[in-house]
Amino acid sequence: MIESPSLAFAVALASTQLIAMKYHHLLGFLADWIDESEAQELTRMKPEARIRNGFGYKLTTNDTKGDEFIRRSLEILQHRAIPRRRTANSTHYGYYISRFYEPHDLTSAELLLVTYQEEIQSLTDPLRDDQGRLLLTASNAKPNLKVGCIFQNWIIVSNGDRCSLESGNFIGLKFRDVAIKGKSIHAAAEPFWELLSSITLPKMPHPERFVHRGLTEAQPFQGDYSRVVLISDPPFAKAEVHYRRGDLEAIGPFDIAQTFENYMEPHPALVISQRFYQHCLAHKIPLAVEPVRIDPN
């Protein structure tokens, strides 16, 4: 088995990156759901969290369990069997945690998920031409555009960035030309390209955590990989993607690959190596990413 160049690089970085990740907590609930003594207790703990009809509190910390106020509030709410949702309403308390990634969190990850880029164009109809190319309106094809997305996170890059990425000889790198729709005196003279990969990753583990996006709430996953797949990870606002080491080794080394699932959007997401990410940093290619976790077999 050939070891990916990014593996040794990431392991060396990880050995020096010991700073704990930060988490942003957001909690809200009505005072009517707790008794007066509990309300007074919580008010003494965090007077600034008391608002007109209840409590609202936010905290950024290295602890996934929050602080004493959050732990005590959750203990009271759960004891009273108040249901939770992401944001509070008249029947649920609201609580979620967002992972806050700092530069060292990204540079110490062996693999990274390419997340939402700056949207430069909303969904168009049609999205693609009869040759399958993304359609980019000429007025949106600005000369200073380096990386962006057409709604639903179809990622496009400038011609200059394509040339830069091709110089890195990245395994799995693939492009498709983008068709310009209409005319504009402000449009770039050079073409744009859709960022893709020729390599498909194995299925993510633990499909029991998968859900489908519904109109009002998530729907259970029933093995239909043609639909958009999300990962449930309460109370986190968004789950991290995990892969097993052995599953990744089975497909061989890569620098950019697409997920088997239509992850988060009605098409596969992209996953890149640390080597690919370092190239983007060095050449000022503004690619938004977050860590992918690799589990033992």
Protein backbone atom coordinates (compact mmCIF):
# COMPACT_ATOMS: atom_id res chain seq x y z
CA MET A 1 0.00 0.00 0.00
CA ILE A 2 1.48 3.37 -1.04
CA GLU A 3 1.26 5.99 1.67
CA SER A 4 -0.26 9.30 0.58
CA PRO A 5 2.24 12.18 0.84
CA SER A 6 -0.38 14.04 2.85
CA LEU A 7 -0.44 11.34 5.54
CA ALA A 8 3.08 11.78 6.82
CA PHE A 9 2.71 15.55 6.56
CA ALA A 10 -0.50 15.58 8.60
CA VAL A 11 0.84 13.19 11.24
CA ALA A 12 3.89 15.40 11.75
CA LEU A 13 1.67 18.45 12.12
CA ALA A 14 -0.77 16.72 14.44
CA SER A 15 2.03 15.81 16.84
CA THR A 16 2.65 19.52 17.45
CA GLN A 17 -0.99 20.65 17.49
CA LEU A 18 -2.24 20.12 21.04
CA ILE A 19 -4.49 23.18 21.40
CA ALA A 20 -8.08 22.28 22.28
CA MET A 21 -10.85 23.11 19.83
CA LYS A 22 -13.34 25.81 20.71
CA TYR A 23 -17.12 25.32 20.83
CA HIS A 24 -19.83 27.95 20.60
CA HIS A 25 -22.87 27.14 22.78
CA LEU A 26 -26.27 28.83 22.35
CA LEU A 27 -29.04 28.09 24.88
CA GLY A 28 -32.52 29.57 25.29
CA PHE A 29 -35.68 28.61 27.17
CA LEU A 30 -38.81 30.02 28.79
CA ALA A 31 -38.91 30.69 32.51
CA ASP A 32 -42.43 29.21 32.67
CA TRP A 33 -40.93 25.72 32.34
CA ILE A 34 -39.02 25.88 35.63
CA ASP A 35 -40.07 26.86 39.14
CA GLU A 36 -39.16 30.11 40.84
CA SER A 37 -36.40 28.65 43.01
CA GLU A 38 -34.70 27.17 39.93
CA ALA A 39 -35.05 30.49 38.10
CA GLN A 40 -33.46 32.31 41.02
CA GLU A 41 -30.64 29.78 41.19
CA LEU A 42 -29.84 30.23 37.50
CA THR A 43 -30.12 34.01 37.77
CA ARG A 44 -27.57 34.03 40.59
CA MET A 45 -25.23 31.95 38.47
CA LYS A 46 -25.50 34.13 35.35
CA PRO A 47 -27.48 37.35 35.87
CA GLU A 48 -26.76 38.41 32.28
CA ALA A 49 -28.57 35.32 30.96
CA ARG A 50 -31.93 36.39 32.41
CA ILE A 51 -34.12 37.99 29.77
CA ARG A 52 -37.73 39.12 29.85
CA ASN A 53 -39.50 35.80 29.37
CA GLY A 54 -36.78 33.37 30.26
CA PHE A 55 -33.09 32.79 29.68
CA GLY A 56 -30.78 33.31 26.73
CA TYR A 57 -27.09 32.52 26.94
CA LYS A 58 -24.12 32.06 24.63
CA LEU A 59 -20.65 30.87 25.44
CA THR A 60 -17.44 30.04 23.59
CA THR A 61 -15.29 27.52 25.43
CA ASN A 62 -12.99 24.52 24.98
CA ASP A 63 -15.49 22.32 26.84
CA THR A 64 -18.18 20.48 24.86
CA LYS A 65 -20.30 20.41 28.03
CA GLY A 66 -20.26 24.19 28.41
CA ASP A 67 -20.01 25.76 31.85
CA GLU A 68 -21.83 25.33 35.16
CA PHE A 69 -24.80 27.42 34.01
CA ILE A 70 -25.35 25.35 30.86
CA ARG A 71 -24.93 22.05 32.67
CA ARG A 72 -27.36 23.03 35.41
CA SER A 73 -29.91 24.46 32.97
CA LEU A 74 -29.87 21.28 30.88
CA GLU A 75 -30.21 19.15 34.00
CA ILE A 76 -33.35 21.06 35.01
CA LEU A 77 -34.89 21.04 31.53
CA GLN A 78 -34.23 17.36 30.96
CA HIS A 79 -35.60 16.47 34.41
CA ARG A 80 -38.81 18.26 33.44
CA ALA A 81 -38.85 16.40 30.07
CA ILE A 82 -38.86 19.59 28.00
CA PRO A 83 -38.03 18.61 24.39
CA ARG A 84 -35.03 20.17 22.65
CA ARG A 85 -34.67 21.67 19.19
CA ARG A 86 -32.05 23.85 17.56
CA THR A 87 -33.86 27.12 18.36
CA ALA A 88 -36.33 27.74 21.17
CA ASN A 89 -40.06 28.06 20.61
CA SER A 90 -43.20 27.83 22.74
CA THR A 91 -42.86 24.07 23.24
CA HIS A 92 -39.10 23.38 23.05
CA TYR A 93 -35.98 24.74 24.62
CA GLY A 94 -33.28 25.69 22.14
CA TYR A 95 -29.74 24.46 22.41
CA TYR A 96 -26.98 23.76 19.94
CA ILE A 97 -23.21 23.75 19.74
CA SER A 98 -21.16 24.96 16.78
CA ARG A 99 -17.60 23.79 16.35
CA PHE A 100 -15.29 26.77 15.98
CA TYR A 101 -12.32 25.85 13.79
CA GLU A 102 -9.15 27.87 14.09
CA PRO A 103 -6.23 27.67 11.65
CA HIS A 104 -4.41 25.00 13.67
CA ASP A 105 -7.54 22.80 13.59
CA LEU A 106 -7.42 22.86 9.79
CA THR A 107 -3.68 22.50 9.29
CA SER A 108 -3.52 19.50 11.64
CA ALA A 109 -6.24 17.51 9.84
CA GLU A 110 -5.16 14.80 7.41
CA LEU A 111 -8.30 15.27 5.29
CA LEU A 112 -10.67 18.21 4.93
CA LEU A 113 -14.23 18.55 3.70
CA VAL A 114 -14.72 21.34 1.16
CA THR A 115 -17.63 23.24 2.70
CA TYR A 116 -19.79 26.12 1.50
CA GLN A 117 -17.97 28.64 -0.63
CA GLU A 118 -19.03 32.23 -1.20
CA GLU A 119 -22.18 32.11 -3.30
CA ILE A 120 -21.81 34.13 -6.47
CA GLN A 121 -25.02 33.00 -8.16
CA SER A 122 -28.35 31.69 -6.93
CA LEU A 123 -30.02 28.68 -8.51
CA THR A 124 -30.73 29.20 -12.18
CA ASP A 125 -33.05 27.35 -14.51
CA PRO A 126 -31.51 25.56 -16.26
CA LEU A 127 -28.51 24.93 -14.03
CA ARG A 128 -26.53 23.33 -16.87
CA ASP A 129 -26.47 23.49 -20.65
CA ASP A 130 -27.11 20.53 -22.96
CA GLN A 131 -23.43 19.52 -22.66
CA GLY A 132 -23.69 19.25 -18.88
CA ARG A 133 -21.72 22.42 -18.17
CA LEU A 134 -22.65 24.75 -15.32
CA LEU A 135 -24.16 28.00 -16.57
CA LEU A 136 -22.55 31.12 -15.12
CA THR A 137 -24.23 34.43 -15.91
CA ALA A 138 -21.74 36.75 -17.58
CA SER A 139 -22.31 39.55 -15.06
CA ASN A 140 -21.25 37.15 -12.28
CA ALA A 141 -18.08 36.06 -14.09
CA LYS A 142 -16.02 38.85 -12.55
CA PRO A 143 -12.28 39.11 -13.30
CA ASN A 144 -11.39 39.10 -9.56
CA LEU A 145 -13.35 35.91 -8.86
CA LYS A 146 -11.04 33.13 -7.65
CA VAL A 147 -13.34 30.58 -5.96
CA GLY A 148 -17.10 30.66 -5.57
CA CYS A 149 -20.19 28.56 -5.85
CA ILE A 150 -23.43 28.46 -7.75
CA PHE A 151 -26.34 27.72 -5.44
CA GLN A 152 -26.23 24.28 -3.87
CA ASN A 153 -22.46 24.58 -3.63
CA TRP A 154 -21.38 23.73 -7.16
CA ILE A 155 -17.80 24.99 -6.86
CA ILE A 156 -16.10 26.96 -9.61
CA VAL A 157 -12.54 28.30 -9.81
CA SER A 158 -10.79 30.80 -12.03
CA ASN A 159 -8.53 29.80 -14.89
CA GLY A 160 -5.52 31.01 -12.93
CA ASP A 161 -6.40 28.83 -9.96
CA ARG A 162 -6.95 25.86 -12.23
CA CYS A 163 -3.43 26.27 -13.62
CA SER A 164 -2.06 26.59 -10.10
CA LEU A 165 -3.82 23.43 -8.91
CA GLU A 166 -2.75 21.46 -11.97
CA SER A 167 0.87 22.35 -11.20
CA GLY A 168 0.53 20.46 -7.92
CA ASN A 169 -0.03 17.08 -9.67
CA PHE A 170 -2.84 16.25 -7.28
CA ILE A 171 -4.28 12.74 -7.41
CA GLY A 172 -7.94 12.76 -8.42
CA LEU A 173 -8.09 16.38 -9.61
CA LYS A 174 -10.61 16.97 -12.38
CA PHE A 175 -12.21 20.00 -14.02
CA ARG A 176 -15.17 20.66 -16.28
CA ASP A 177 -15.48 23.88 -18.24
CA VAL A 178 -18.18 26.36 -17.21
CA ALA A 179 -20.43 27.92 -19.87
CA ILE A 180 -20.92 31.69 -19.73
CA LYS A 181 -24.53 32.76 -20.22
CA GLY A 182 -25.15 36.12 -21.89
CA LYS A 183 -22.69 38.97 -22.25
CA SER A 184 -21.25 41.61 -19.96
CA ILE A 185 -18.51 44.19 -20.41
CA HIS A 186 -17.43 43.33 -16.86
CA ALA A 187 -16.98 39.60 -17.49
CA ALA A 188 -13.52 38.05 -17.19
CA ALA A 189 -11.70 37.32 -20.42
CA GLU A 190 -10.52 33.92 -19.20
CA PRO A 191 -12.76 30.88 -18.59
CA PHE A 192 -13.95 29.40 -15.32
CA TRP A 193 -13.93 25.75 -14.31
CA GLU A 194 -16.03 23.46 -12.14
CA LEU A 195 -13.91 21.75 -9.48
CA LEU A 196 -14.47 17.96 -9.49
CA SER A 197 -12.73 14.67 -8.78
CA SER A 198 -12.26 11.39 -10.64
CA ILE A 199 -12.19 9.42 -7.36
CA THR A 200 -15.21 8.39 -5.28
CA LEU A 201 -14.80 7.73 -1.57
CA PRO A 202 -16.28 4.70 0.19
CA LYS A 203 -19.57 5.04 2.03
CA MET A 204 -19.33 6.89 5.31
CA PRO A 205 -19.63 4.63 8.36
CA HIS A 206 -22.58 4.61 10.75
CA PRO A 207 -25.53 5.15 8.38
CA GLU A 208 -27.77 4.88 11.45
CA ARG A 209 -26.84 8.52 12.05
CA PHE A 210 -27.95 9.60 8.57
CA VAL A 211 -31.12 11.61 8.04
CA HIS A 212 -32.79 13.27 5.07
CA ARG A 213 -33.73 16.93 4.99
CA GLY A 214 -37.50 17.40 5.40
CA LEU A 215 -39.80 20.40 5.07
CA THR A 216 -40.12 20.89 8.84
CA GLU A 217 -37.88 18.26 10.43
CA ALA A 218 -35.37 15.60 9.48
CA GLN A 219 -36.63 12.32 8.05
CA PRO A 220 -35.12 8.90 8.87
CA PHE A 221 -32.61 7.44 6.44
CA GLN A 222 -33.85 4.25 4.79
CA GLY A 223 -30.93 3.40 2.56
CA ASP A 224 -31.83 5.76 -0.30
CA TYR A 225 -28.48 7.22 -1.39
CA SER A 226 -30.09 9.11 -4.26
CA ARG A 227 -31.43 11.65 -1.75
CA VAL A 228 -29.54 14.32 0.17
CA VAL A 229 -27.89 12.81 3.24
CA LEU A 230 -27.23 14.72 6.47
CA ILE A 231 -25.66 13.42 9.67
CA SER A 232 -27.52 13.81 12.95
CA ASP A 233 -25.24 14.80 15.82
CA PRO A 234 -27.26 16.61 18.51
CA PRO A 235 -26.68 19.00 20.14
CA PHE A 236 -24.14 20.00 17.50
CA ALA A 237 -25.51 22.22 14.76
CA LYS A 238 -23.55 20.22 12.19
CA ALA A 239 -21.83 16.86 12.39
CA GLU A 240 -18.25 16.13 11.42
CA VAL A 241 -17.63 13.63 8.63
CA HIS A 242 -15.89 10.42 9.68
CA TYR A 243 -14.20 7.66 7.69
CA ARG A 244 -12.54 4.43 8.76
CA ARG A 245 -8.81 4.20 8.07
CA GLY A 246 -9.13 0.81 6.39
CA ASP A 247 -11.90 2.00 4.06
CA LEU A 248 -9.73 4.88 2.89
CA GLU A 249 -6.67 2.70 2.41
CA ALA A 250 -8.71 0.39 0.18
CA ILE A 251 -9.13 3.10 -2.49
CA GLY A 252 -5.47 4.15 -2.50
CA PRO A 253 -3.91 7.59 -2.11
CA PHE A 254 -5.76 10.71 -3.27
CA ASP A 255 -5.63 14.48 -2.92
CA ILE A 256 -9.20 15.24 -3.92
CA ALA A 257 -12.17 12.89 -4.00
CA GLN A 258 -15.95 13.06 -3.96
CA THR A 259 -18.21 11.55 -1.33
CA PHE A 260 -20.31 8.51 -2.22
CA GLU A 261 -23.27 10.26 -0.60
CA ASN A 262 -25.04 13.37 -1.81
CA TYR A 263 -23.78 14.99 1.35
CA MET A 264 -25.58 18.20 2.42
CA GLU A 265 -26.60 18.96 -1.17
CA PRO A 266 -28.11 17.02 -4.12
CA HIS A 267 -24.62 16.08 -5.32
CA PRO A 268 -21.44 14.67 -3.74
CA ALA A 269 -19.23 16.86 -1.58
CA LEU A 270 -15.47 17.11 -2.07
CA VAL A 271 -12.77 15.97 0.34
CA ILE A 272 -9.16 17.13 -0.03
CA SER A 273 -5.80 16.15 1.44
CA GLN A 274 -3.69 18.35 3.67
CA ARG A 275 -1.21 18.62 0.80
CA PHE A 276 -3.95 20.06 -1.42
CA TYR A 277 -4.98 22.48 1.34
CA GLN A 278 -1.40 23.65 1.93
CA HIS A 279 -1.12 24.43 -1.77
CA CYS A 280 -4.29 26.53 -1.56
CA LEU A 281 -2.90 28.45 1.43
CA ALA A 282 0.46 29.02 -0.25
CA HIS A 283 -1.15 30.24 -3.49
CA LYS A 284 -3.94 32.25 -1.82
CA ILE A 285 -6.75 30.09 -3.18
CA PRO A 286 -9.59 30.84 -0.72
CA LEU A 287 -11.10 27.38 -0.25
CA ALA A 288 -13.41 27.02 2.78
CA VAL A 289 -12.88 23.69 4.56
CA GLU A 290 -13.44 21.84 7.84
CA PRO A 291 -11.74 18.73 9.27
CA VAL A 292 -12.65 15.16 8.39
CA ARG A 293 -12.12 12.65 11.21
CA ILE A 294 -10.43 9.32 10.50
CA ASP A 295 -11.31 6.48 12.87
CA PRO A 296 -9.38 3.24 13.49
CA ASN A 297 -10.66 0.13 11.73
